[in-house]
C-alpha atoms as a PDB file:
ATOM      1  CA  MET A   1     207.796  52.317  99.763  1.00  0.00           C
ATOM      2  CA  LYS A   2     208.693  49.134 101.608  1.00  0.00           C
ATOM      3  CA  ASP A   3     211.762  50.816 103.131  1.00  0.00           C
ATOM      4  CA  LEU A   4     209.618  53.464 104.891  1.00  0.00           C
ATOM      5  CA  PRO A   5     208.101  51.850 108.006  1.00  0.00           C
ATOM      6  CA  SER A   6     206.356  55.079 109.027  1.00  0.00           C
ATOM      7  CA  PHE A   7     204.639  55.325 105.639  1.00  0.00           C
ATOM      8  CA  ASN A   8     203.576  51.673 105.793  1.00  0.00           C
ATOM      9  CA  ALA A   9     202.167  52.271 109.278  1.00  0.00           C
ATOM     10  CA  LEU A  10     200.198  55.219 107.899  1.00  0.00           C
ATOM     11  CA  VAL A  11     198.830  53.049 105.074  1.00  0.00           C
ATOM     12  CA  ASP A  12     197.842  50.372 107.598  1.00  0.00           C
ATOM     13  CA  SER A  13     196.023  53.000 109.671  1.00  0.00           C
ATOM     14  CA  PHE A  14     193.977  54.246 106.715  1.00  0.00           C
ATOM     15  CA  GLY A  15     193.277  50.630 105.767  1.00  0.00           C
ATOM     16  CA  LYS A  16     191.403  50.165 109.046  1.00  0.00           C
ATOM     17  CA  LEU A  17     188.669  52.514 107.836  1.00  0.00           C
ATOM     18  CA  PRO A  18     185.568  50.759 106.429  1.00  0.00           C
ATOM     19  CA  GLY A  19     185.470  50.482 102.661  1.00  0.00           C
ATOM     20  CA  VAL A  20     189.117  51.476 102.231  1.00  0.00           C
ATOM     21  CA  GLY A  21     191.211  48.950 100.330  1.00  0.00           C
ATOM     22  CA  ALA A  22     194.984  48.715 100.057  1.00  0.00           C
ATOM     23  CA  LYS A  23     195.252  50.992  97.006  1.00  0.00           C
ATOM     24  CA  SER A  24     192.944  53.642  98.488  1.00  0.00           C
ATOM     25  CA  ALA A  25     194.845  53.541 101.787  1.00  0.00           C
ATOM     26  CA  GLU A  26     198.122  54.077  99.917  1.00  0.00           C
ATOM     27  CA  ARG A  27     196.665  57.035  97.984  1.00  0.00           C
ATOM     28  CA  MET A  28     195.403  58.616 101.213  1.00  0.00           C
ATOM     29  CA  ALA A  29     198.787  58.190 102.881  1.00  0.00           C
ATOM     30  CA  SER A  30     200.543  59.723  99.876  1.00  0.00           C
ATOM     31  CA  ALA A  31     198.090  62.640  99.852  1.00  0.00           C
ATOM     32  CA  LEU A  32     198.813  63.257 103.525  1.00  0.00           C
ATOM     33  CA  LEU A  33     202.549  63.411 102.822  1.00  0.00           C
ATOM     34  CA  ASP A  34     201.881  65.924 100.054  1.00  0.00           C
ATOM     35  CA  MET A  35     200.015  68.230 102.454  1.00  0.00           C
ATOM     36  CA  LYS A  36     201.617  71.265 103.995  1.00  0.00           C
ATOM     37  CA  GLU A  37     202.927  70.389 107.443  1.00  0.00           C
ATOM     38  CA  GLU A  38     200.467  72.810 109.044  1.00  0.00           C
ATOM     39  CA  ASP A  39     197.497  71.143 107.329  1.00  0.00           C
ATOM     40  CA  ALA A  40     198.731  67.649 108.173  1.00  0.00           C
ATOM     41  CA  LEU A  41     199.160  68.523 111.854  1.00  0.00           C
ATOM     42  CA  GLN A  42     195.703  70.096 111.895  1.00  0.00           C
ATOM     43  CA  PHE A  43     194.348  66.856 110.412  1.00  0.00           C
ATOM     44  CA  ALA A  44     196.032  64.877 113.200  1.00  0.00           C
ATOM     45  CA  ASP A  45     194.693  67.267 115.844  1.00  0.00           C
ATOM     46  CA  SER A  46     191.162  66.878 114.454  1.00  0.00           C
ATOM     47  CA  ILE A  47     191.367  63.123 114.925  1.00  0.00           C
ATOM     48  CA  LYS A  48     192.729  63.442 118.471  1.00  0.00           C
ATOM     49  CA  ASN A  49     190.101  66.021 119.463  1.00  0.00           C
ATOM     50  CA  ALA A  50     187.260  63.960 118.035  1.00  0.00           C
ATOM     51  CA  LYS A  51     188.357  60.884 119.971  1.00  0.00           C
ATOM     52  CA  LYS A  52     188.869  62.948 123.128  1.00  0.00           C
ATOM     53  CA  LEU A  53     185.674  65.045 123.075  1.00  0.00           C
ATOM     54  CA  ILE A  54     183.036  62.883 121.375  1.00  0.00           C
ATOM     55  CA  HIS A  55     181.389  60.102 123.358  1.00  0.00           C
ATOM     56  CA  SER A  56     178.150  58.144 123.418  1.00  0.00           C
ATOM     57  CA  CYS A  57     175.174  59.714 125.159  1.00  0.00           C
ATOM     58  CA  PRO A  58     174.593  57.696 128.352  1.00  0.00           C
ATOM     59  CA  ASN A  59     170.838  57.805 127.739  1.00  0.00           C
ATOM     60  CA  CYS A  60     170.408  56.896 124.052  1.00  0.00           C
ATOM     61  CA  GLY A  61     173.855  56.081 122.654  1.00  0.00           C
ATOM     62  CA  LEU A  62     174.048  58.854 120.028  1.00  0.00           C
ATOM     63  CA  PHE A  63     177.328  60.734 119.709  1.00  0.00           C
ATOM     64  CA  THR A  64     177.666  63.970 121.656  1.00  0.00           C
ATOM     65  CA  GLU A  65     180.220  66.350 123.117  1.00  0.00           C
ATOM     66  CA  ASN A  66     177.896  67.209 125.999  1.00  0.00           C
ATOM     67  CA  GLU A  67     177.006  65.204 129.089  1.00  0.00           C
ATOM     68  CA  VAL A  68     173.696  64.249 127.435  1.00  0.00           C
ATOM     69  CA  CYS A  69     172.981  64.655 123.714  1.00  0.00           C
ATOM     70  CA  GLU A  70     170.861  67.552 122.458  1.00  0.00           C
ATOM     71  CA  ILE A  71     168.083  65.191 121.345  1.00  0.00           C
ATOM     72  CA  CYS A  72     167.603  63.618 124.780  1.00  0.00           C
ATOM     73  CA  SER A  73     167.779  67.019 126.501  1.00  0.00           C
ATOM     74  CA  SER A  74     165.422  68.804 124.081  1.00  0.00           C
ATOM     75  CA  PRO A  75     161.846  69.537 125.261  1.00  0.00           C
ATOM     76  CA  GLU A  76     160.890  69.845 121.583  1.00  0.00           C
ATOM     77  CA  ARG A  77     161.387  66.117 121.076  1.00  0.00           C
ATOM     78  CA  ASN A  78     158.625  63.522 121.216  1.00  0.00           C
ATOM     79  CA  HIS A  79     159.836  61.560 124.229  1.00  0.00           C
ATOM     80  CA  HIS A  80     156.857  59.210 123.890  1.00  0.00           C
ATOM     81  CA  LEU A  81     158.479  57.790 120.731  1.00  0.00           C
ATOM     82  CA  ILE A  82     161.748  55.854 120.546  1.00  0.00           C
ATOM     83  CA  ILE A  83     163.281  54.717 117.268  1.00  0.00           C
ATOM     84  CA  VAL A  84     165.605  51.769 117.853  1.00  0.00           C
ATOM     85  CA  ILE A  85     168.635  51.773 115.541  1.00  0.00           C
ATOM     86  CA  SER A  86     171.734  49.624 115.215  1.00  0.00           C
ATOM     87  CA  LYS A  87     174.378  52.360 114.892  1.00  0.00           C
ATOM     88  CA  ALA A  88     174.393  56.032 115.852  1.00  0.00           C
ATOM     89  CA  LYS A  89     174.847  57.134 112.232  1.00  0.00           C
ATOM     90  CA  ASP A  90     171.478  55.573 111.323  1.00  0.00           C
ATOM     91  CA  ALA A  91     169.725  58.474 113.063  1.00  0.00           C
ATOM     92  CA  ASN A  92     170.902  60.863 110.326  1.00  0.00           C
ATOM     93  CA  ALA A  93     168.336  59.537 107.844  1.00  0.00           C
ATOM     94  CA  PHE A  94     165.421  60.103 110.236  1.00  0.00           C
ATOM     95  CA  GLU A  95     166.629  63.579 111.138  1.00  0.00           C
ATOM     96  CA  LYS A  96     165.905  64.639 107.547  1.00  0.00           C
ATOM     97  CA  ILE A  97     162.185  63.954 108.064  1.00  0.00           C
ATOM     98  CA  LYS A  98     160.459  67.166 109.082  1.00  0.00           C
ATOM     99  CA  GLY A  99     157.994  67.088 111.962  1.00  0.00           C
ATOM    100  CA  LEU A 100     158.879  63.631 113.315  1.00  0.00           C
ATOM    101  CA  ASN A 101     161.173  64.761 116.175  1.00  0.00           C
ATOM    102  CA  PRO A 102     161.618  61.338 117.807  1.00  0.00           C
ATOM    103  CA  THR A 103     164.157  60.138 120.338  1.00  0.00           C
ATOM    104  CA  TYR A 104     166.497  57.257 119.561  1.00  0.00           C
ATOM    105  CA  HIS A 105     168.079  54.224 121.137  1.00  0.00           C
ATOM    106  CA  VAL A 106     171.314  52.780 119.750  1.00  0.00           C
ATOM    107  CA  LEU A 107     171.693  49.023 120.184  1.00  0.00           C
ATOM    108  CA  GLY A 108     175.361  49.033 119.240  1.00  0.00           C
ATOM    109  CA  GLY A 109     175.034  46.236 116.697  1.00  0.00           C
ATOM    110  CA  LEU A 110     172.812  43.338 115.665  1.00  0.00           C
ATOM    111  CA  ILE A 111     172.476  39.766 116.868  1.00  0.00           C
ATOM    112  CA  SER A 112     174.844  37.618 114.821  1.00  0.00           C
ATOM    113  CA  PRO A 113     175.672  34.134 116.153  1.00  0.00           C
ATOM    114  CA  GLY A 114     178.259  33.713 113.395  1.00  0.00           C
ATOM    115  CA  LYS A 115     180.172  36.718 114.758  1.00  0.00           C
ATOM    116  CA  GLY A 116     179.594  35.724 118.372  1.00  0.00           C
ATOM    117  CA  ILE A 117     177.190  38.623 119.042  1.00  0.00           C
ATOM    118  CA  GLY A 118     174.229  37.721 121.247  1.00  0.00           C
ATOM    119  CA  PRO A 119     171.455  39.742 122.931  1.00  0.00           C
ATOM    120  CA  GLU A 120     173.659  40.219 125.990  1.00  0.00           C
ATOM    121  CA  ASP A 121     176.164  42.134 123.846  1.00  0.00           C
ATOM    122  CA  LEU A 122     173.615  44.752 122.782  1.00  0.00           C
ATOM    123  CA  ASN A 123     172.238  47.756 124.659  1.00  0.00           C
ATOM    124  CA  ILE A 124     168.873  46.109 125.311  1.00  0.00           C
ATOM    125  CA  ASP A 125     168.647  46.303 129.111  1.00  0.00           C
ATOM    126  CA  HIS A 126     168.942  50.097 129.082  1.00  0.00           C
ATOM    127  CA  LEU A 127     166.207  50.295 126.429  1.00  0.00           C
ATOM    128  CA  PHE A 128     163.892  48.416 128.763  1.00  0.00           C
ATOM    129  CA  GLU A 129     164.865  50.761 131.607  1.00  0.00           C
ATOM    130  CA  ARG A 130     163.929  53.771 129.471  1.00  0.00           C
ATOM    131  CA  ILE A 131     160.553  52.243 128.640  1.00  0.00           C
ATOM    132  CA  GLN A 132     159.960  51.275 132.265  1.00  0.00           C
ATOM    133  CA  ASP A 133     160.965  54.633 133.754  1.00  0.00           C
ATOM    134  CA  GLY A 134     159.625  56.936 131.044  1.00  0.00           C
ATOM    135  CA  ASP A 135     156.315  57.676 129.371  1.00  0.00           C
ATOM    136  CA  VAL A 136     157.083  55.788 126.162  1.00  0.00           C
ATOM    137  CA  GLU A 137     154.047  54.997 124.013  1.00  0.00           C
ATOM    138  CA  GLU A 138     155.645  53.573 120.870  1.00  0.00           C
ATOM    139  CA  VAL A 139     158.908  51.902 119.898  1.00  0.00           C
ATOM    140  CA  ILE A 140     159.806  51.735 116.201  1.00  0.00           C
ATOM    141  CA  LEU A 141     162.295  49.025 115.276  1.00  0.00           C
ATOM    142  CA  ALA A 142     164.387  50.547 112.485  1.00  0.00           C
ATOM    143  CA  LEU A 143     166.997  47.863 111.881  1.00  0.00           C
ATOM    144  CA  ASN A 144     168.576  46.879 108.576  1.00  0.00           C
ATOM    145  CA  PRO A 145     166.542  44.431 106.429  1.00  0.00           C
ATOM    146  CA  THR A 146     169.132  41.674 106.748  1.00  0.00           C
ATOM    147  CA  VAL A 147     169.055  38.275 108.424  1.00  0.00           C
ATOM    148  CA  GLU A 148     170.732  39.817 111.487  1.00  0.00           C
ATOM    149  CA  GLY A 149     168.314  42.749 111.482  1.00  0.00           C
ATOM    150  CA  GLU A 150     165.290  40.455 111.164  1.00  0.00           C
ATOM    151  CA  THR A 151     166.542  38.228 113.981  1.00  0.00           C
ATOM    152  CA  THR A 152     167.150  41.196 116.270  1.00  0.00           C
ATOM    153  CA  SER A 153     163.783  42.790 115.460  1.00  0.00           C
ATOM    154  CA  LEU A 154     161.849  39.579 116.126  1.00  0.00           C
ATOM    155  CA  LEU A 155     163.612  38.976 119.431  1.00  0.00           C
ATOM    156  CA  LEU A 156     163.140  42.564 120.622  1.00  0.00           C
ATOM    157  CA  SER A 157     159.480  42.544 119.598  1.00  0.00           C
ATOM    158  CA  ARG A 158     158.827  39.343 121.521  1.00  0.00           C
ATOM    159  CA  MET A 159     160.710  40.501 124.618  1.00  0.00           C
ATOM    160  CA  MET A 160     158.995  43.903 124.701  1.00  0.00           C
ATOM    161  CA  SER A 161     155.537  42.404 124.096  1.00  0.00           C
ATOM    162  CA  GLU A 162     155.991  40.147 127.102  1.00  0.00           C
ATOM    163  CA  LYS A 163     157.439  42.829 129.361  1.00  0.00           C
ATOM    164  CA  PHE A 164     155.312  45.795 128.251  1.00  0.00           C
ATOM    165  CA  PRO A 165     151.947  44.449 126.989  1.00  0.00           C
ATOM    166  CA  THR A 166     150.424  47.932 126.421  1.00  0.00           C
ATOM    167  CA  LEU A 167     153.419  49.273 124.469  1.00  0.00           C
ATOM    168  CA  LYS A 168     152.906  49.904 120.761  1.00  0.00           C
ATOM    169  CA  ILE A 169     155.700  48.148 118.857  1.00  0.00           C
ATOM    170  CA  THR A 170     156.115  48.848 115.142  1.00  0.00           C
ATOM    171  CA  ARG A 171     158.790  48.389 112.518  1.00  0.00           C
ATOM    172  CA  LEU A 172     159.765  50.012 109.265  1.00  0.00           C
ATOM    173  CA  GLY A 173     157.892  48.892 106.176  1.00  0.00           C
ATOM    174  CA  TYR A 174     160.225  47.339 103.635  1.00  0.00           C
ATOM    175  CA  GLY A 175     159.419  46.964  99.975  1.00  0.00           C
ATOM    176  CA  LEU A 176     159.937  48.388  96.524  1.00  0.00           C
ATOM    177  CA  PRO A 177     161.688  51.749  96.231  1.00  0.00           C
ATOM    178  CA  MET A 178     160.007  54.436  94.159  1.00  0.00           C
ATOM    179  CA  GLY A 179     160.985  54.314  90.489  1.00  0.00           C
ATOM    180  CA  SER A 180     162.154  50.691  90.560  1.00  0.00           C
ATOM    181  CA  SER A 181     161.088  47.931  88.175  1.00  0.00           C
ATOM    182  CA  LEU A 182     159.483  44.693  89.361  1.00  0.00           C
ATOM    183  CA  ASP A 183     161.684  42.546  87.159  1.00  0.00           C
ATOM    184  CA  TYR A 184     164.774  43.772  89.038  1.00  0.00           C
ATOM    185  CA  ALA A 185     163.348  43.094  92.506  1.00  0.00           C
ATOM    186  CA  ASP A 186     164.533  40.072  94.445  1.00  0.00           C
ATOM    187  CA  SER A 187     162.087  37.649  96.063  1.00  0.00           C
ATOM    188  CA  LEU A 188     162.682  38.907  99.640  1.00  0.00           C
ATOM    189  CA  THR A 189     161.964  42.506  98.622  1.00  0.00           C
ATOM    190  CA  LEU A 190     158.758  41.446  96.870  1.00  0.00           C
ATOM    191  CA  GLN A 191     157.729  39.377  99.890  1.00  0.00           C
ATOM    192  CA  LYS A 192     158.188  42.353 102.207  1.00  0.00           C
ATOM    193  CA  ALA A 193     156.288  44.588  99.781  1.00  0.00           C
ATOM    194  CA  LEU A 194     153.364  42.140  99.823  1.00  0.00           C
ATOM    195  CA  GLU A 195     153.439  41.867 103.613  1.00  0.00           C
ATOM    196  CA  GLY A 196     153.315  45.662 103.896  1.00  0.00           C
ATOM    197  CA  ARG A 197     150.446  46.135 101.428  1.00  0.00           C
ATOM    198  CA  ARG A 198     147.585  48.518 102.325  1.00  0.00           C
ATOM    199  CA  SER A 199     144.013  49.022 101.168  1.00  0.00           C
ATOM    200  CA  LEU A 200     143.446  51.850  98.685  1.00  0.00           C
END
């Protein structure tokens, strides 16, 4: 449909979504054209409303439609515990764990010199303010087990240890998933499994 600039613009818009290739973007655009006009306009309104109403919590960085997110404002939460995550969506996995009830802090990314992202580009200063001003007892670093995640975790751990010597700083244990076979595990996974070993 090279002669339809509006369709091509729609394909380009869908192509900006993560994990959506050219063919998938074209299928999505075609599906939208096949919708009833009422449904298509409702779809457009949903996007506009989400962008208008949803924003980052000024305290932790999670998405909210309120002034402060429901996690930060909840007295049921363990405000002595902060789980540091890279993106807001990472909190969803922890929310499935019953009885944990932590608070979160979104860094907004990971240190990546190759992409020009340094510590100054992340939400680190506000994390330190929360620790300084609050009654935080433990910070769990829950960053992806990648080179960028390792780099960010090591830097944060060192900075917090120097600034808050009594603060308990932990990180997620990485290793072999349940049901996996050793012969399929890569060397880094096995190394992390050995580092996280416990006495029985």
